[in-house]
C-alpha cells in the first residue's frame, strides 16, 4: 500500500524492522499448538487480525534524535524517544496544531509493556510530552495530559516496586506477582506487567541486557491472566470463531 512512498523512520525502528515478521503471528494464529501455552495466548491476542499477505516496506529515510519535515505545508517534528516500548519509539509533534502523536509511548486506558526499555527512557518521554503545549493522541482514545501523567506515574510505581523485589532477591516473576496494582489493576491487559518487570530486572543487573525472544513471555502473561480470572483478551467467544 505504501510502496514507492516516502517513509521516514528512526534508526531504532530500522534496527528491529524485521525482528518478528507478520507471517510468524499469522502462523501462530492458524496453528498455535506447536508453541504450547504461549501459542495459545498469542492466538488469543491476535486472532481478530489478518496478517496474511503483508509485505513489510522499510523506511526510505532514517533519522536519529530529532528531525523536522514539511507535510502538506505543515511543520512536523519527529522526536526519537526510544528505546522504551520498542527500540524505535518516536513522537510526531505538530507545534502549530498543538498535537503530538505518541504511538505506543501512551497506552491510554491500557497497561504499557516495555519490551526493550529502559523504563527510565519511557518516563522521560512522558515528561517531554508534558512540557509541550498539546493534545495527545496515543494508543487508545484521544487523551489529554492527565493520561500522560497517569502513564508516567504507573511506570514510576512499577519501577520502584520492582527495584524493591530485586533488592530482596526475588526473581522477576515473583516480584511481578507481588506488586499491588491498586487502581492500575483496572487498566486493560494488566498481565503486560510481567514483561515490564523482566525488562526492569535486566536493567538492574548493571550488565548489557540480553536479547530475549518475545514468544515465551506470552505464556507468562497467560498464566498471570488466568490467575486473576481475566478471561479471553477479546471476550467470549473468540472473534475469529475458533476454539484456541
C-alpha atoms as a PDB file:
ATOM      1  CA  UNK A   1       0.000   0.000   0.000  1.00  0.00           C
ATOM      2  CA  UNK A   2       2.874   2.407   0.763  1.00  0.00           C
ATOM      3  CA  UNK A   3       5.424   1.103  -1.711  1.00  0.00           C
ATOM      4  CA  UNK A   4       7.255   3.869  -3.598  1.00  0.00           C
ATOM      5  CA  UNK A   5       6.152   6.369  -0.919  1.00  0.00           C
ATOM      6  CA  UNK A   6       8.435   8.484   1.229  1.00  0.00           C
ATOM      7  CA  UNK A   7       8.706   6.702   4.591  1.00  0.00           C
ATOM      8  CA  UNK A   8      10.701   8.180   7.468  1.00  0.00           C
ATOM      9  CA  UNK A   9      11.775   6.015  10.398  1.00  0.00           C
ATOM     10  CA  UNK A  10      14.031   6.316  13.398  1.00  0.00           C
ATOM     11  CA  UNK A  11      17.280   4.378  13.489  1.00  0.00           C
ATOM     12  CA  UNK A  12      15.834   2.183  16.216  1.00  0.00           C
ATOM     13  CA  UNK A  13      12.821   1.324  14.090  1.00  0.00           C
ATOM     14  CA  UNK A  14      15.038   0.270  11.211  1.00  0.00           C
ATOM     15  CA  UNK A  15      17.108  -1.865  13.568  1.00  0.00           C
ATOM     16  CA  UNK A  16      14.188  -4.082  14.552  1.00  0.00           C
ATOM     17  CA  UNK A  17      12.044  -3.713  11.446  1.00  0.00           C
ATOM     18  CA  UNK A  18      12.069  -7.384  10.507  1.00  0.00           C
ATOM     19  CA  UNK A  19      12.558  -8.782  14.018  1.00  0.00           C
ATOM     20  CA  UNK A  20       9.211 -10.639  14.082  1.00  0.00           C
ATOM     21  CA  UNK A  21       7.614 -10.710  10.608  1.00  0.00           C
ATOM     22  CA  UNK A  22       3.804 -10.739  10.259  1.00  0.00           C
ATOM     23  CA  UNK A  23       3.926 -14.310   8.961  1.00  0.00           C
ATOM     24  CA  UNK A  24       5.030 -15.505  12.415  1.00  0.00           C
ATOM     25  CA  UNK A  25       1.888 -14.171  14.070  1.00  0.00           C
ATOM     26  CA  UNK A  26      -0.304 -15.470  11.265  1.00  0.00           C
ATOM     27  CA  UNK A  27       1.235 -18.910  11.614  1.00  0.00           C
ATOM     28  CA  UNK A  28       0.624 -18.963  15.349  1.00  0.00           C
ATOM     29  CA  UNK A  29      -2.975 -17.823  14.960  1.00  0.00           C
ATOM     30  CA  UNK A  30      -3.574 -20.529  12.351  1.00  0.00           C
ATOM     31  CA  UNK A  31      -1.861 -23.282  14.369  1.00  0.00           C
ATOM     32  CA  UNK A  32      -0.857 -22.321  17.923  1.00  0.00           C
ATOM     33  CA  UNK A  33      -0.401 -25.890  19.229  1.00  0.00           C
ATOM     34  CA  UNK A  34       3.333 -26.265  18.402  1.00  0.00           C
ATOM     35  CA  UNK A  35       4.026 -23.284  20.673  1.00  0.00           C
ATOM     36  CA  UNK A  36       2.089 -24.606  23.674  1.00  0.00           C
ATOM     37  CA  UNK A  37       0.507 -22.144  26.099  1.00  0.00           C
ATOM     38  CA  UNK A  38       2.481 -19.266  24.601  1.00  0.00           C
ATOM     39  CA  UNK A  39       0.978 -20.016  21.184  1.00  0.00           C
ATOM     40  CA  UNK A  40      -2.470 -20.290  22.716  1.00  0.00           C
ATOM     41  CA  UNK A  41      -2.191 -16.800  24.177  1.00  0.00           C
ATOM     42  CA  UNK A  42      -0.694 -15.315  21.001  1.00  0.00           C
ATOM     43  CA  UNK A  43      -3.695 -16.694  19.116  1.00  0.00           C
ATOM     44  CA  UNK A  44      -5.993 -15.241  21.773  1.00  0.00           C
ATOM     45  CA  UNK A  45      -4.408 -11.792  21.377  1.00  0.00           C
ATOM     46  CA  UNK A  46      -4.103 -11.664  17.603  1.00  0.00           C
ATOM     47  CA  UNK A  47      -6.901 -13.806  16.193  1.00  0.00           C
ATOM     48  CA  UNK A  48      -9.067 -10.784  15.214  1.00  0.00           C
ATOM     49  CA  UNK A  49      -6.355  -9.627  12.818  1.00  0.00           C
ATOM     50  CA  UNK A  50      -5.339 -10.934   9.395  1.00  0.00           C
ATOM     51  CA  UNK A  51      -1.573 -10.805   8.852  1.00  0.00           C
ATOM     52  CA  UNK A  52      -1.584 -12.888   5.684  1.00  0.00           C
ATOM     53  CA  UNK A  53      -0.048 -11.373   2.565  1.00  0.00           C
ATOM     54  CA  UNK A  54       1.523  -8.427   4.387  1.00  0.00           C
ATOM     55  CA  UNK A  55       4.765  -7.254   2.790  1.00  0.00           C
ATOM     56  CA  UNK A  56       6.859  -5.009   5.029  1.00  0.00           C
ATOM     57  CA  UNK A  57       8.023  -1.833   3.313  1.00  0.00           C
ATOM     58  CA  UNK A  58      11.086  -0.390   5.079  1.00  0.00           C
ATOM     59  CA  UNK A  59      11.719   3.331   5.572  1.00  0.00           C
ATOM     60  CA  UNK A  60      13.270   5.233   2.714  1.00  0.00           C
ATOM     61  CA  UNK A  61      14.798   7.814   5.106  1.00  0.00           C
ATOM     62  CA  UNK A  62      16.327   7.268   8.534  1.00  0.00           C
ATOM     63  CA  UNK A  63      16.961   9.759  11.340  1.00  0.00           C
ATOM     64  CA  UNK A  64      18.386   9.726  14.855  1.00  0.00           C
ATOM     65  CA  UNK A  65      17.475  12.086  17.655  1.00  0.00           C
ATOM     66  CA  UNK A  66      15.184  14.653  16.048  1.00  0.00           C
ATOM     67  CA  UNK A  67      14.331  15.934  12.588  1.00  0.00           C
ATOM     68  CA  UNK A  68      11.782  18.291  11.069  1.00  0.00           C
ATOM     69  CA  UNK A  69       9.865  17.762   7.836  1.00  0.00           C
ATOM     70  CA  UNK A  70       7.134  19.643   5.970  1.00  0.00           C
ATOM     71  CA  UNK A  71       3.950  17.707   5.187  1.00  0.00           C
ATOM     72  CA  UNK A  72       1.343  19.480   3.001  1.00  0.00           C
ATOM     73  CA  UNK A  73       2.587  22.801   4.313  1.00  0.00           C
ATOM     74  CA  UNK A  74       2.632  21.765   7.976  1.00  0.00           C
ATOM     75  CA  UNK A  75       5.761  21.647  10.107  1.00  0.00           C
ATOM     76  CA  UNK A  76       6.203  18.207  11.693  1.00  0.00           C
ATOM     77  CA  UNK A  77       8.859  17.406  14.301  1.00  0.00           C
ATOM     78  CA  UNK A  78       9.921  13.761  14.615  1.00  0.00           C
ATOM     79  CA  UNK A  79      11.394  13.123  18.069  1.00  0.00           C
ATOM     80  CA  UNK A  80      13.081   9.818  18.835  1.00  0.00           C
ATOM     81  CA  UNK A  81      12.392   8.864  22.472  1.00  0.00           C
ATOM     82  CA  UNK A  82      13.199   5.140  22.346  1.00  0.00           C
ATOM     83  CA  UNK A  83      14.295   2.629  23.196  1.00  0.00           C
ATOM     84  CA  UNK A  84      11.366   2.198  25.581  1.00  0.00           C
ATOM     85  CA  UNK A  85       8.324   0.203  24.446  1.00  0.00           C
ATOM     86  CA  UNK A  86      10.429  -0.841  21.448  1.00  0.00           C
ATOM     87  CA  UNK A  87      13.788   0.292  20.072  1.00  0.00           C
ATOM     88  CA  UNK A  88      12.375   2.954  17.776  1.00  0.00           C
ATOM     89  CA  UNK A  89       9.694   4.880  19.706  1.00  0.00           C
ATOM     90  CA  UNK A  90       9.033   8.252  18.076  1.00  0.00           C
ATOM     91  CA  UNK A  91       6.826  11.234  18.880  1.00  0.00           C
ATOM     92  CA  UNK A  92       5.280  13.139  15.959  1.00  0.00           C
ATOM     93  CA  UNK A  93       4.766  16.744  17.068  1.00  0.00           C
ATOM     94  CA  UNK A  94       2.812  19.409  15.148  1.00  0.00           C
ATOM     95  CA  UNK A  95       3.519  22.656  17.042  1.00  0.00           C
ATOM     96  CA  UNK A  96       1.088  24.895  15.160  1.00  0.00           C
ATOM     97  CA  UNK A  97      -1.783  22.449  15.644  1.00  0.00           C
ATOM     98  CA  UNK A  98      -0.712  21.690  19.247  1.00  0.00           C
ATOM     99  CA  UNK A  99      -0.932  17.961  18.642  1.00  0.00           C
ATOM    100  CA  UNK A 100       1.531  15.186  19.432  1.00  0.00           C
ATOM    101  CA  UNK A 101       1.060  11.656  18.115  1.00  0.00           C
ATOM    102  CA  UNK A 102       2.647   9.455  20.741  1.00  0.00           C
ATOM    103  CA  UNK A 103       2.206   5.994  19.242  1.00  0.00           C
ATOM    104  CA  UNK A 104       2.882   3.362  21.893  1.00  0.00           C
ATOM    105  CA  UNK A 105       4.501   5.775  24.323  1.00  0.00           C
ATOM    106  CA  UNK A 106       0.977   6.411  25.626  1.00  0.00           C
ATOM    107  CA  UNK A 107      -1.278   3.435  26.327  1.00  0.00           C
ATOM    108  CA  UNK A 108      -4.390   5.382  27.276  1.00  0.00           C
ATOM    109  CA  UNK A 109      -6.690   3.201  29.436  1.00  0.00           C
ATOM    110  CA  UNK A 110      -4.355   0.234  28.854  1.00  0.00           C
ATOM    111  CA  UNK A 111      -1.317  -1.277  30.550  1.00  0.00           C
ATOM    112  CA  UNK A 112       2.007  -0.422  28.864  1.00  0.00           C
ATOM    113  CA  UNK A 113       4.532  -3.122  28.016  1.00  0.00           C
ATOM    114  CA  UNK A 114       8.258  -2.401  27.948  1.00  0.00           C
ATOM    115  CA  UNK A 115       9.645  -4.961  25.524  1.00  0.00           C
ATOM    116  CA  UNK A 116      13.004  -3.171  25.313  1.00  0.00           C
ATOM    117  CA  UNK A 117      13.402  -0.402  27.876  1.00  0.00           C
ATOM    118  CA  UNK A 118      14.975   1.121  29.780  1.00  0.00           C
ATOM    119  CA  UNK A 119      11.779   2.169  31.526  1.00  0.00           C
ATOM    120  CA  UNK A 120      13.538   5.375  32.577  1.00  0.00           C
ATOM    121  CA  UNK A 121      13.508   6.406  28.891  1.00  0.00           C
ATOM    122  CA  UNK A 122       9.739   5.926  28.828  1.00  0.00           C
ATOM    123  CA  UNK A 123       9.324   8.055  31.944  1.00  0.00           C
ATOM    124  CA  UNK A 124      11.472  10.779  30.361  1.00  0.00           C
ATOM    125  CA  UNK A 125       9.361  10.570  27.178  1.00  0.00           C
ATOM    126  CA  UNK A 126       6.230  11.219  29.251  1.00  0.00           C
ATOM    127  CA  UNK A 127       7.934  14.191  30.884  1.00  0.00           C
ATOM    128  CA  UNK A 128       8.835  15.550  27.460  1.00  0.00           C
ATOM    129  CA  UNK A 129       5.210  15.319  26.308  1.00  0.00           C
ATOM    130  CA  UNK A 130       4.081  17.151  29.446  1.00  0.00           C
ATOM    131  CA  UNK A 131       6.428  20.023  28.550  1.00  0.00           C
ATOM    132  CA  UNK A 132       4.647  20.534  25.196  1.00  0.00           C
ATOM    133  CA  UNK A 133       1.546  22.662  24.643  1.00  0.00           C
ATOM    134  CA  UNK A 134      -0.508  19.887  23.087  1.00  0.00           C
ATOM    135  CA  UNK A 135      -3.421  17.499  22.975  1.00  0.00           C
ATOM    136  CA  UNK A 136      -2.274  13.894  22.998  1.00  0.00           C
ATOM    137  CA  UNK A 137      -3.488  11.137  20.675  1.00  0.00           C
ATOM    138  CA  UNK A 138      -1.926   7.774  21.550  1.00  0.00           C
ATOM    139  CA  UNK A 139      -2.582   4.037  21.823  1.00  0.00           C
ATOM    140  CA  UNK A 140      -6.269   4.170  22.762  1.00  0.00           C
ATOM    141  CA  UNK A 141      -8.796   7.018  22.966  1.00  0.00           C
ATOM    142  CA  UNK A 142      -7.629  10.576  22.271  1.00  0.00           C
ATOM    143  CA  UNK A 143      -6.318  11.895  25.560  1.00  0.00           C
ATOM    144  CA  UNK A 144      -5.219  14.961  27.450  1.00  0.00           C
ATOM    145  CA  UNK A 145      -2.147  15.401  29.591  1.00  0.00           C
ATOM    146  CA  UNK A 146      -3.762  13.718  32.584  1.00  0.00           C
ATOM    147  CA  UNK A 147      -3.468  10.413  30.730  1.00  0.00           C
ATOM    148  CA  UNK A 148       0.262  11.083  30.273  1.00  0.00           C
ATOM    149  CA  UNK A 149       0.596  11.807  33.993  1.00  0.00           C
ATOM    150  CA  UNK A 150      -1.162   8.525  34.782  1.00  0.00           C
ATOM    151  CA  UNK A 151       1.153   6.615  32.422  1.00  0.00           C
ATOM    152  CA  UNK A 152       4.254   8.209  33.913  1.00  0.00           C
ATOM    153  CA  UNK A 153       3.083   7.547  37.472  1.00  0.00           C
ATOM    154  CA  UNK A 154       2.353   3.891  36.656  1.00  0.00           C
ATOM    155  CA  UNK A 155       5.844   3.421  35.240  1.00  0.00           C
ATOM    156  CA  UNK A 156       7.473   5.122  38.230  1.00  0.00           C
ATOM    157  CA  UNK A 157       5.440   2.957  40.621  1.00  0.00           C
ATOM    158  CA  UNK A 158       6.288  -0.288  38.832  1.00  0.00           C
ATOM    159  CA  UNK A 159       9.959   0.689  38.648  1.00  0.00           C
ATOM    160  CA  UNK A 160      10.091   1.379  42.399  1.00  0.00           C
ATOM    161  CA  UNK A 161       8.202  -1.794  43.339  1.00  0.00           C
ATOM    162  CA  UNK A 162      10.335  -3.917  41.017  1.00  0.00           C
ATOM    163  CA  UNK A 163      13.521  -2.464  42.472  1.00  0.00           C
ATOM    164  CA  UNK A 164      12.345  -3.440  45.939  1.00  0.00           C
ATOM    165  CA  UNK A 165      11.703  -7.006  44.798  1.00  0.00           C
ATOM    166  CA  UNK A 166      15.077  -7.185  43.059  1.00  0.00           C
ATOM    167  CA  UNK A 167      16.937  -5.886  46.105  1.00  0.00           C
ATOM    168  CA  UNK A 168      15.485  -8.592  48.386  1.00  0.00           C
ATOM    169  CA  UNK A 169      16.385 -11.352  45.920  1.00  0.00           C
ATOM    170  CA  UNK A 170      13.061 -12.236  44.314  1.00  0.00           C
ATOM    171  CA  UNK A 171      13.024 -13.416  40.716  1.00  0.00           C
ATOM    172  CA  UNK A 172      11.198 -11.257  38.209  1.00  0.00           C
ATOM    173  CA  UNK A 173       8.031 -13.362  38.195  1.00  0.00           C
ATOM    174  CA  UNK A 174       7.693 -13.394  41.973  1.00  0.00           C
ATOM    175  CA  UNK A 175       8.334  -9.657  42.069  1.00  0.00           C
ATOM    176  CA  UNK A 176       5.699  -9.014  39.408  1.00  0.00           C
ATOM    177  CA  UNK A 177       3.071 -11.048  41.268  1.00  0.00           C
ATOM    178  CA  UNK A 178       3.894  -9.207  44.494  1.00  0.00           C
ATOM    179  CA  UNK A 179       3.099  -5.798  43.004  1.00  0.00           C
ATOM    180  CA  UNK A 180      -0.263  -4.473  44.186  1.00  0.00           C
ATOM    181  CA  UNK A 181      -1.574  -2.634  41.128  1.00  0.00           C
ATOM    182  CA  UNK A 182      -4.392  -0.944  43.023  1.00  0.00           C
ATOM    183  CA  UNK A 183      -6.259   1.411  40.682  1.00  0.00           C
ATOM    184  CA  UNK A 184      -3.965   0.355  37.814  1.00  0.00           C
ATOM    185  CA  UNK A 185      -5.396  -3.136  38.039  1.00  0.00           C
ATOM    186  CA  UNK A 186      -8.493  -1.949  36.185  1.00  0.00           C
ATOM    187  CA  UNK A 187      -6.433  -0.979  33.127  1.00  0.00           C
ATOM    188  CA  UNK A 188      -6.750  -3.293  30.155  1.00  0.00           C
ATOM    189  CA  UNK A 189      -4.222  -6.155  29.854  1.00  0.00           C
ATOM    190  CA  UNK A 190      -2.717  -5.899  33.346  1.00  0.00           C
ATOM    191  CA  UNK A 191      -0.690  -9.047  32.571  1.00  0.00           C
ATOM    192  CA  UNK A 192       1.709  -6.954  30.466  1.00  0.00           C
ATOM    193  CA  UNK A 193       3.307  -6.035  33.783  1.00  0.00           C
ATOM    194  CA  UNK A 194       5.210  -9.349  33.571  1.00  0.00           C
ATOM    195  CA  UNK A 195       7.280  -8.214  30.578  1.00  0.00           C
ATOM    196  CA  UNK A 196       7.957  -4.770  32.011  1.00  0.00           C
ATOM    197  CA  UNK A 197       9.265  -6.239  35.269  1.00  0.00           C
ATOM    198  CA  UNK A 198      11.571  -8.600  33.342  1.00  0.00           C
ATOM    199  CA  UNK A 199      12.927  -5.600  31.404  1.00  0.00           C
ATOM    200  CA  UNK A 200      13.459  -3.703  34.646  1.00  0.00           C
ATOM    201  CA  UNK A 201      15.293  -6.641  36.233  1.00  0.00           C
ATOM    202  CA  UNK A 202      17.570  -6.836  33.196  1.00  0.00           C
ATOM    203  CA  UNK A 203      18.462  -3.197  33.755  1.00  0.00           C
ATOM    204  CA  UNK A 204      19.029  -3.608  37.494  1.00  0.00           C
ATOM    205  CA  UNK A 205      21.756  -6.169  36.808  1.00  0.00           C
ATOM    206  CA  UNK A 206      24.090  -3.431  35.502  1.00  0.00           C
ATOM    207  CA  UNK A 207      25.204  -5.608  32.591  1.00  0.00           C
ATOM    208  CA  UNK A 208      24.146  -5.431  28.937  1.00  0.00           C
ATOM    209  CA  UNK A 209      20.584  -6.744  28.710  1.00  0.00           C
ATOM    210  CA  UNK A 210      20.222  -9.992  26.783  1.00  0.00           C
ATOM    211  CA  UNK A 211      18.172 -10.189  23.603  1.00  0.00           C
ATOM    212  CA  UNK A 212      15.072 -12.038  24.789  1.00  0.00           C
ATOM    213  CA  UNK A 213      12.719 -13.815  22.417  1.00  0.00           C
ATOM    214  CA  UNK A 214       9.225 -12.385  22.988  1.00  0.00           C
ATOM    215  CA  UNK A 215       7.144 -15.532  22.441  1.00  0.00           C
ATOM    216  CA  UNK A 216       7.881 -17.303  25.783  1.00  0.00           C
ATOM    217  CA  UNK A 217       6.580 -14.262  27.675  1.00  0.00           C
ATOM    218  CA  UNK A 218       3.136 -14.820  26.209  1.00  0.00           C
ATOM    219  CA  UNK A 219       2.951 -17.963  28.356  1.00  0.00           C
ATOM    220  CA  UNK A 220       3.856 -15.996  31.474  1.00  0.00           C
ATOM    221  CA  UNK A 221       1.232 -13.391  30.585  1.00  0.00           C
ATOM    222  CA  UNK A 222      -1.403 -16.081  30.017  1.00  0.00           C
ATOM    223  CA  UNK A 223      -0.624 -17.589  33.432  1.00  0.00           C
ATOM    224  CA  UNK A 224      -0.999 -14.160  35.030  1.00  0.00           C
ATOM    225  CA  UNK A 225      -4.271 -13.512  33.224  1.00  0.00           C
ATOM    226  CA  UNK A 226      -5.619 -16.938  34.239  1.00  0.00           C
ATOM    227  CA  UNK A 227      -4.554 -16.436  37.867  1.00  0.00           C
ATOM    228  CA  UNK A 228      -6.550 -13.223  38.073  1.00  0.00           C
ATOM    229  CA  UNK A 229      -9.570 -14.629  36.207  1.00  0.00           C
ATOM    230  CA  UNK A 230      -9.360 -12.099  33.392  1.00  0.00           C
ATOM    231  CA  UNK A 231     -10.682 -14.447  30.681  1.00  0.00           C
ATOM    232  CA  UNK A 232     -10.027 -14.128  26.955  1.00  0.00           C
ATOM    233  CA  UNK A 233      -8.408 -10.923  25.723  1.00  0.00           C
ATOM    234  CA  UNK A 234     -11.244 -10.111  23.313  1.00  0.00           C
ATOM    235  CA  UNK A 235     -14.037 -11.735  25.310  1.00  0.00           C
ATOM    236  CA  UNK A 236     -16.058 -14.894  24.628  1.00  0.00           C
ATOM    237  CA  UNK A 237     -16.372 -16.363  22.135  1.00  0.00           C
ATOM    238  CA  UNK A 238     -13.144 -15.696  20.227  1.00  0.00           C
ATOM    239  CA  UNK A 239     -13.783 -13.092  17.494  1.00  0.00           C
ATOM    240  CA  UNK A 240     -12.329 -15.417  14.869  1.00  0.00           C
ATOM    241  CA  UNK A 241     -14.818 -18.159  15.754  1.00  0.00           C
ATOM    242  CA  UNK A 242     -12.088 -20.692  16.535  1.00  0.00           C
ATOM    243  CA  UNK A 243     -11.543 -22.565  19.760  1.00  0.00           C
ATOM    244  CA  UNK A 244      -7.902 -21.974  20.754  1.00  0.00           C
END
